[in-house]
Amino acid sequence: MDLNSMSITELRELRTRVNIMIDAKGMMNSTKLMIGDGVMVDHKKLSGQVCKVVKINRTKVVVDSRTIGKVSVPMSMIVPI
């Protein structure tokens, strides 16, 4: 699939499908998470660190990391342990 050869309509459809998939994965994470759980965050600043869930919002999760402190992170970046 070469993005340069796709039409505008095909690109919009692809973007819609990608957004639906991201939302679905985020919702799957939110149902599994509980306050106090240990999670990892898919981000370079928090790579390899286990963070603790402090608060769960509708679209974001507040995690407490040892190095940075409390950080608000999108659910799609949360990796349950």
C-alpha atoms as a PDB file:
ATOM      1  CA  MET A   1       0.000   0.000   0.000  1.00  0.00           C
ATOM      2  CA  ASP A   2       1.715   3.149  -1.224  1.00  0.00           C
ATOM      3  CA  LEU A   3       0.237   6.266   0.352  1.00  0.00           C
ATOM      4  CA  ASN A   4       1.404   8.487  -2.493  1.00  0.00           C
ATOM      5  CA  SER A   5      -0.660   6.569  -5.027  1.00  0.00           C
ATOM      6  CA  MET A   6      -3.880   6.619  -2.960  1.00  0.00           C
ATOM      7  CA  SER A   7      -6.676   9.068  -3.719  1.00  0.00           C
ATOM      8  CA  ILE A   8      -7.979  11.589  -1.183  1.00  0.00           C
ATOM      9  CA  THR A   9     -11.084   9.467  -0.606  1.00  0.00           C
ATOM     10  CA  GLU A  10      -9.010   6.354   0.081  1.00  0.00           C
ATOM     11  CA  LEU A  11      -6.757   8.278   2.467  1.00  0.00           C
ATOM     12  CA  ARG A  12      -9.765   9.621   4.391  1.00  0.00           C
ATOM     13  CA  GLU A  13     -11.184   6.119   4.690  1.00  0.00           C
ATOM     14  CA  LEU A  14      -7.819   4.835   5.923  1.00  0.00           C
ATOM     15  CA  ARG A  15      -7.631   7.650   8.502  1.00  0.00           C
ATOM     16  CA  THR A  16     -11.138   6.810   9.727  1.00  0.00           C
ATOM     17  CA  ARG A  17     -10.248   3.137  10.146  1.00  0.00           C
ATOM     18  CA  VAL A  18      -7.029   3.990  12.008  1.00  0.00           C
ATOM     19  CA  ASN A  19      -8.895   6.342  14.375  1.00  0.00           C
ATOM     20  CA  ILE A  20     -11.518   3.674  15.088  1.00  0.00           C
ATOM     21  CA  MET A  21      -8.784   1.141  15.871  1.00  0.00           C
ATOM     22  CA  ILE A  22      -6.972   3.564  18.209  1.00  0.00           C
ATOM     23  CA  ASP A  23     -10.218   4.325  20.064  1.00  0.00           C
ATOM     24  CA  ALA A  24     -11.043   0.624  20.393  1.00  0.00           C
ATOM     25  CA  LYS A  25      -7.631  -0.205  21.820  1.00  0.00           C
ATOM     26  CA  GLY A  26      -7.895   2.691  24.248  1.00  0.00           C
ATOM     27  CA  MET A  27     -11.285   1.484  25.454  1.00  0.00           C
ATOM     28  CA  MET A  28      -9.924  -2.041  25.942  1.00  0.00           C
ATOM     29  CA  ASN A  29      -7.204  -0.626  28.190  1.00  0.00           C
ATOM     30  CA  SER A  30      -9.653   1.452  30.207  1.00  0.00           C
ATOM     31  CA  THR A  31     -11.763  -1.571  31.143  1.00  0.00           C
ATOM     32  CA  LYS A  32      -8.703  -3.470  32.387  1.00  0.00           C
ATOM     33  CA  LEU A  33      -7.163  -0.636  34.427  1.00  0.00           C
ATOM     34  CA  MET A  34      -7.713   0.028  38.106  1.00  0.00           C
ATOM     35  CA  ILE A  35      -6.249   2.677  40.384  1.00  0.00           C
ATOM     36  CA  GLY A  36      -3.013   1.414  41.899  1.00  0.00           C
ATOM     37  CA  ASP A  37      -2.153  -0.879  38.964  1.00  0.00           C
ATOM     38  CA  GLY A  38       1.375  -0.955  37.620  1.00  0.00           C
ATOM     39  CA  VAL A  39       1.596  -0.014  33.948  1.00  0.00           C
ATOM     40  CA  MET A  40       4.195   0.901  31.370  1.00  0.00           C
ATOM     41  CA  VAL A  41       3.891   3.884  29.036  1.00  0.00           C
ATOM     42  CA  ASP A  42       4.799   3.673  25.355  1.00  0.00           C
ATOM     43  CA  HIS A  43       6.884   6.877  25.298  1.00  0.00           C
ATOM     44  CA  LYS A  44      10.610   7.575  25.125  1.00  0.00           C
ATOM     45  CA  LYS A  45      10.708   9.565  28.394  1.00  0.00           C
ATOM     46  CA  LEU A  46       9.074   6.737  30.336  1.00  0.00           C
ATOM     47  CA  SER A  47      10.525   3.734  28.506  1.00  0.00           C
ATOM     48  CA  GLY A  48      11.271   0.769  30.738  1.00  0.00           C
ATOM     49  CA  GLN A  49       9.661   2.354  33.819  1.00  0.00           C
ATOM     50  CA  VAL A  50       6.787   0.864  35.729  1.00  0.00           C
ATOM     51  CA  CYS A  51       4.336   3.611  36.671  1.00  0.00           C
ATOM     52  CA  LYS A  52       1.417   3.505  39.102  1.00  0.00           C
ATOM     53  CA  VAL A  53      -2.103   4.489  37.990  1.00  0.00           C
ATOM     54  CA  VAL A  54      -3.342   7.405  40.110  1.00  0.00           C
ATOM     55  CA  LYS A  55      -6.530   8.464  38.288  1.00  0.00           C
ATOM     56  CA  ILE A  56      -8.537   7.215  35.291  1.00  0.00           C
ATOM     57  CA  ASN A  57     -10.320   9.841  33.195  1.00  0.00           C
ATOM     58  CA  ARG A  58     -12.477   9.349  30.099  1.00  0.00           C
ATOM     59  CA  THR A  59      -9.620   9.591  27.584  1.00  0.00           C
ATOM     60  CA  LYS A  60      -6.480   9.890  29.701  1.00  0.00           C
ATOM     61  CA  VAL A  61      -4.843   8.215  32.661  1.00  0.00           C
ATOM     62  CA  VAL A  62      -2.794   9.981  35.324  1.00  0.00           C
ATOM     63  CA  VAL A  63       0.254   7.894  36.223  1.00  0.00           C
ATOM     64  CA  ASP A  64       2.944   8.456  38.827  1.00  0.00           C
ATOM     65  CA  SER A  65       6.487   7.789  37.660  1.00  0.00           C
ATOM     66  CA  ARG A  66       9.561   7.848  39.871  1.00  0.00           C
ATOM     67  CA  THR A  67      11.556  10.214  37.677  1.00  0.00           C
ATOM     68  CA  ILE A  68       9.000  12.688  36.287  1.00  0.00           C
ATOM     69  CA  GLY A  69       6.203  12.563  38.864  1.00  0.00           C
ATOM     70  CA  LYS A  70       2.517  12.613  37.941  1.00  0.00           C
ATOM     71  CA  VAL A  71       1.876  12.640  34.200  1.00  0.00           C
ATOM     72  CA  SER A  72      -1.387  12.613  32.216  1.00  0.00           C
ATOM     73  CA  VAL A  73      -1.101  10.053  29.408  1.00  0.00           C
ATOM     74  CA  PRO A  74      -3.552   9.011  26.654  1.00  0.00           C
ATOM     75  CA  MET A  75      -5.025   5.550  27.182  1.00  0.00           C
ATOM     76  CA  SER A  76      -3.693   4.409  23.830  1.00  0.00           C
ATOM     77  CA  MET A  77      -0.135   4.786  25.205  1.00  0.00           C
ATOM     78  CA  ILE A  78      -0.767   2.652  28.314  1.00  0.00           C
ATOM     79  CA  VAL A  79       0.578  -0.914  28.354  1.00  0.00           C
ATOM     80  CA  PRO A  80      -0.833  -3.035  31.203  1.00  0.00           C
ATOM     81  CA  ILE A  81       1.652  -5.309  32.946  1.00  0.00           C
END
